[in-house]
């Protein structure tokens, strides 16, 4: 699992495998190559390294945190 944090460092989502979820556990999209696509397959953000940007690359959305094991309770 990798957290998705905004520019202020606040987490607003997380990635498990290639699936992106909200903090409420709702699937919101997936990582496909260098893009995050929504649940319908439409590109929404560009991914470069750990950075997440608008499709044109002009604005930073946030960053992925380092990989952490998924903890089950």
Protein backbone atom coordinates (compact mmCIF):
# COMPACT_ATOMS: atom_id res chain seq x y z
CA UNK A 1 0.00 0.00 0.00
CA UNK A 2 1.12 3.53 -0.78
CA UNK A 3 -0.57 6.63 0.59
CA UNK A 4 -1.52 9.52 -1.69
CA UNK A 5 -0.82 12.85 0.01
CA UNK A 6 -1.51 16.38 -1.17
CA UNK A 7 1.06 19.18 -1.37
CA UNK A 8 0.50 19.97 2.32
CA UNK A 9 1.30 16.38 3.30
CA UNK A 10 -2.28 15.39 4.14
CA UNK A 11 -3.30 11.95 2.96
CA UNK A 12 -6.43 11.82 0.82
CA UNK A 13 -6.20 8.39 -0.76
CA UNK A 14 -4.17 5.22 -1.03
CA UNK A 15 -3.00 2.77 -3.66
CA UNK A 16 -3.17 -1.00 -3.15
CA UNK A 17 -1.57 -2.76 -6.08
CA UNK A 18 -2.81 -0.64 -8.95
CA UNK A 19 -6.19 0.29 -7.39
CA UNK A 20 -6.73 3.78 -5.93
CA UNK A 21 -9.10 4.26 -2.99
CA UNK A 22 -10.46 7.18 -0.98
CA UNK A 23 -9.75 7.23 2.76
CA UNK A 24 -13.25 5.79 3.20
CA UNK A 25 -12.20 2.70 1.25
CA UNK A 26 -14.18 3.55 -1.88
CA UNK A 27 -12.46 2.63 -5.15
CA UNK A 28 -11.89 5.77 -7.17
CA UNK A 29 -9.59 4.68 -9.99
CA UNK A 30 -6.47 2.78 -10.88
CA UNK A 31 -2.88 3.27 -11.94
CA UNK A 32 -2.35 2.42 -15.61
CA UNK A 33 1.18 3.06 -16.79
CA UNK A 34 1.93 6.73 -16.17
CA UNK A 35 -1.68 7.72 -15.49
CA UNK A 36 -4.37 7.49 -12.85
CA UNK A 37 -7.64 6.70 -14.58
CA UNK A 38 -11.09 6.93 -13.05
CA UNK A 39 -13.41 3.94 -12.63
CA UNK A 40 -14.58 4.39 -16.23
CA UNK A 41 -11.04 4.36 -17.64
CA UNK A 42 -10.74 8.11 -18.30
CA UNK A 43 -7.29 9.58 -17.52
CA UNK A 44 -7.47 12.05 -14.63
CA UNK A 45 -3.87 12.55 -13.46
CA UNK A 46 -0.35 11.95 -14.74
CA UNK A 47 2.16 10.05 -12.58
CA UNK A 48 5.88 10.82 -12.88
CA UNK A 49 7.97 8.90 -10.35
CA UNK A 50 6.24 9.42 -7.01
CA UNK A 51 4.59 12.67 -8.13
CA UNK A 52 0.98 13.02 -9.24
CA UNK A 53 0.19 15.92 -11.58
CA UNK A 54 -2.59 17.33 -13.71
CA UNK A 55 -2.74 15.77 -17.17
CA UNK A 56 -0.81 18.68 -18.68
CA UNK A 57 1.82 18.39 -15.93
CA UNK A 58 1.49 22.06 -14.94
CA UNK A 59 0.09 21.53 -11.42
CA UNK A 60 1.12 19.16 -8.66
CA UNK A 61 -1.74 17.17 -7.14
CA UNK A 62 0.36 15.30 -4.61
CA UNK A 63 2.77 12.44 -4.06
CA UNK A 64 2.74 8.73 -3.29
CA UNK A 65 4.35 7.68 -0.02
CA UNK A 66 6.79 4.81 0.21
CA UNK A 67 5.43 1.26 0.10
CA UNK A 68 4.00 0.01 3.40
CA UNK A 69 2.58 -3.44 4.18
CA UNK A 70 -1.19 -3.66 4.32
CA UNK A 71 -2.21 -4.30 7.92
CA UNK A 72 -5.23 -6.44 8.61
CA UNK A 73 -7.17 -6.13 11.86
